[in-house]
Amino acid sequence: MSITKEKKSTIFTQFGGNAANTGSIEGQVALLTERILDISGHLKVNKKDFSTQRGLMKMVGRRKRLLSYLQKHNLIGYRQLIEKLGIRK
């Protein structure tokens, strides 16, 4: 259920430039998206797991705030990121 260290490094390499650049907005959004998809699958099976559902809502809110920051400061990067991740239509 959790994301392994190798998976995190590949996500940050693909979206943040290199594996050590863990502070990049693009990398953080990609990591949150991966975790959100994982938890969503868990909640489809366990519908009454309300504490996990609350954690999911907090992650979605954090990703939304990061995406709004990215949209204000780097519109081209924002559009490329949402296209790669398939977040919005």
C-alpha atoms as a PDB file:
ATOM      1  CA  MET A   1       0.000   0.000   0.000  1.00  0.00           C
ATOM      2  CA  SER A   2       2.835   2.416   0.694  1.00  0.00           C
ATOM      3  CA  ILE A   3       5.150   3.739  -1.965  1.00  0.00           C
ATOM      4  CA  THR A   4       8.641   2.253  -2.006  1.00  0.00           C
ATOM      5  CA  LYS A   5      11.842   4.258  -2.027  1.00  0.00           C
ATOM      6  CA  GLU A   6      12.604   3.194  -5.609  1.00  0.00           C
ATOM      7  CA  LYS A   7       9.152   4.285  -6.777  1.00  0.00           C
ATOM      8  CA  LYS A   8       9.603   7.691  -5.099  1.00  0.00           C
ATOM      9  CA  SER A   9      12.989   8.189  -6.738  1.00  0.00           C
ATOM     10  CA  THR A  10      11.576   7.340 -10.179  1.00  0.00           C
ATOM     11  CA  ILE A  11       8.680   9.754  -9.660  1.00  0.00           C
ATOM     12  CA  PHE A  12      11.016  12.581  -8.655  1.00  0.00           C
ATOM     13  CA  THR A  13      13.391  11.752 -11.506  1.00  0.00           C
ATOM     14  CA  GLN A  14      10.576  11.826 -14.028  1.00  0.00           C
ATOM     15  CA  PHE A  15       8.813  14.952 -12.779  1.00  0.00           C
ATOM     16  CA  GLY A  16      11.314  16.854 -10.607  1.00  0.00           C
ATOM     17  CA  GLY A  17      14.458  16.636 -12.712  1.00  0.00           C
ATOM     18  CA  ASN A  18      16.508  14.287 -10.525  1.00  0.00           C
ATOM     19  CA  ALA A  19      15.923  11.995  -7.549  1.00  0.00           C
ATOM     20  CA  ALA A  20      17.451  14.461  -5.063  1.00  0.00           C
ATOM     21  CA  ASN A  21      15.093  17.281  -6.063  1.00  0.00           C
ATOM     22  CA  THR A  22      12.320  16.268  -3.660  1.00  0.00           C
ATOM     23  CA  GLY A  23      11.182  19.835  -3.078  1.00  0.00           C
ATOM     24  CA  SER A  24      10.014  20.516  -6.616  1.00  0.00           C
ATOM     25  CA  ILE A  25       6.321  21.287  -6.907  1.00  0.00           C
ATOM     26  CA  GLU A  26       5.919  18.993  -9.896  1.00  0.00           C
ATOM     27  CA  GLY A  27       7.481  16.072  -8.030  1.00  0.00           C
ATOM     28  CA  GLN A  28       5.353  16.660  -4.944  1.00  0.00           C
ATOM     29  CA  VAL A  29       2.166  16.778  -7.017  1.00  0.00           C
ATOM     30  CA  ALA A  30       3.124  13.580  -8.856  1.00  0.00           C
ATOM     31  CA  LEU A  31       3.862  11.808  -5.564  1.00  0.00           C
ATOM     32  CA  LEU A  32       0.563  12.951  -4.048  1.00  0.00           C
ATOM     33  CA  THR A  33      -1.272  11.791  -7.173  1.00  0.00           C
ATOM     34  CA  GLU A  34       0.307   8.343  -6.861  1.00  0.00           C
ATOM     35  CA  ARG A  35      -0.671   8.116  -3.197  1.00  0.00           C
ATOM     36  CA  ILE A  36      -4.208   9.359  -3.928  1.00  0.00           C
ATOM     37  CA  LEU A  37      -4.702   6.691  -6.585  1.00  0.00           C
ATOM     38  CA  ASP A  38      -3.412   4.019  -4.203  1.00  0.00           C
ATOM     39  CA  ILE A  39      -5.704   5.096  -1.368  1.00  0.00           C
ATOM     40  CA  SER A  40      -8.681   5.413  -3.709  1.00  0.00           C
ATOM     41  CA  GLY A  41      -8.270   1.763  -4.630  1.00  0.00           C
ATOM     42  CA  HIS A  42      -8.166   0.859  -0.946  1.00  0.00           C
ATOM     43  CA  LEU A  43     -11.349   2.812  -0.251  1.00  0.00           C
ATOM     44  CA  LYS A  44     -13.226   1.086  -3.069  1.00  0.00           C
ATOM     45  CA  VAL A  45     -12.812  -2.170  -1.150  1.00  0.00           C
ATOM     46  CA  ASN A  46     -13.100  -0.753   2.393  1.00  0.00           C
ATOM     47  CA  LYS A  47     -15.973   1.695   2.176  1.00  0.00           C
ATOM     48  CA  LYS A  48     -16.242   2.292   5.939  1.00  0.00           C
ATOM     49  CA  ASP A  49     -12.602   3.209   6.551  1.00  0.00           C
ATOM     50  CA  PHE A  50     -13.348   6.793   7.491  1.00  0.00           C
ATOM     51  CA  SER A  51      -9.936   7.696   8.898  1.00  0.00           C
ATOM     52  CA  THR A  52      -8.308   6.798   5.584  1.00  0.00           C
ATOM     53  CA  GLN A  53     -11.008   8.756   3.805  1.00  0.00           C
ATOM     54  CA  ARG A  54     -10.149  11.829   5.874  1.00  0.00           C
ATOM     55  CA  GLY A  55      -6.461  11.407   5.034  1.00  0.00           C
ATOM     56  CA  LEU A  56      -7.373  11.157   1.363  1.00  0.00           C
ATOM     57  CA  MET A  57      -9.310  14.416   1.515  1.00  0.00           C
ATOM     58  CA  LYS A  58      -6.346  16.131   3.174  1.00  0.00           C
ATOM     59  CA  MET A  59      -4.022  14.877   0.412  1.00  0.00           C
ATOM     60  CA  VAL A  60      -6.410  16.070  -2.295  1.00  0.00           C
ATOM     61  CA  GLY A  61      -6.526  19.505  -0.659  1.00  0.00           C
ATOM     62  CA  ARG A  62      -2.735  19.688  -0.418  1.00  0.00           C
ATOM     63  CA  ARG A  63      -2.399  18.705  -4.088  1.00  0.00           C
ATOM     64  CA  LYS A  64      -4.982  21.348  -5.016  1.00  0.00           C
ATOM     65  CA  ARG A  65      -3.035  24.052  -3.161  1.00  0.00           C
ATOM     66  CA  LEU A  66       0.231  23.014  -4.830  1.00  0.00           C
ATOM     67  CA  LEU A  67      -1.425  23.013  -8.250  1.00  0.00           C
ATOM     68  CA  SER A  68      -2.904  26.470  -7.716  1.00  0.00           C
ATOM     69  CA  TYR A  69       0.555  27.764  -6.707  1.00  0.00           C
ATOM     70  CA  LEU A  70       2.069  26.200  -9.819  1.00  0.00           C
ATOM     71  CA  GLN A  71      -0.671  27.653 -11.996  1.00  0.00           C
ATOM     72  CA  LYS A  72      -0.008  31.164 -10.679  1.00  0.00           C
ATOM     73  CA  HIS A  73       3.783  30.995 -11.039  1.00  0.00           C
ATOM     74  CA  ASN A  74       4.411  28.665 -13.995  1.00  0.00           C
ATOM     75  CA  LEU A  75       1.387  28.241 -16.256  1.00  0.00           C
ATOM     76  CA  ILE A  76       3.203  26.281 -18.956  1.00  0.00           C
ATOM     77  CA  GLY A  77       4.633  23.833 -16.415  1.00  0.00           C
ATOM     78  CA  TYR A  78       1.187  23.492 -14.831  1.00  0.00           C
ATOM     79  CA  ARG A  79      -0.412  22.579 -18.153  1.00  0.00           C
ATOM     80  CA  GLN A  80       2.315  20.068 -18.969  1.00  0.00           C
ATOM     81  CA  LEU A  81       2.030  18.449 -15.534  1.00  0.00           C
ATOM     82  CA  ILE A  82      -1.726  17.985 -15.581  1.00  0.00           C
ATOM     83  CA  GLU A  83      -1.456  16.561 -19.093  1.00  0.00           C
ATOM     84  CA  LYS A  84       1.202  14.029 -18.017  1.00  0.00           C
ATOM     85  CA  LEU A  85      -0.689  12.995 -14.892  1.00  0.00           C
ATOM     86  CA  GLY A  86      -4.121  13.040 -16.497  1.00  0.00           C
ATOM     87  CA  ILE A  87      -5.618  14.906 -13.542  1.00  0.00           C
ATOM     88  CA  ARG A  88      -8.017  17.275 -15.293  1.00  0.00           C
ATOM     89  CA  LYS A  89      -9.849  17.234 -18.563  1.00  0.00           C
END
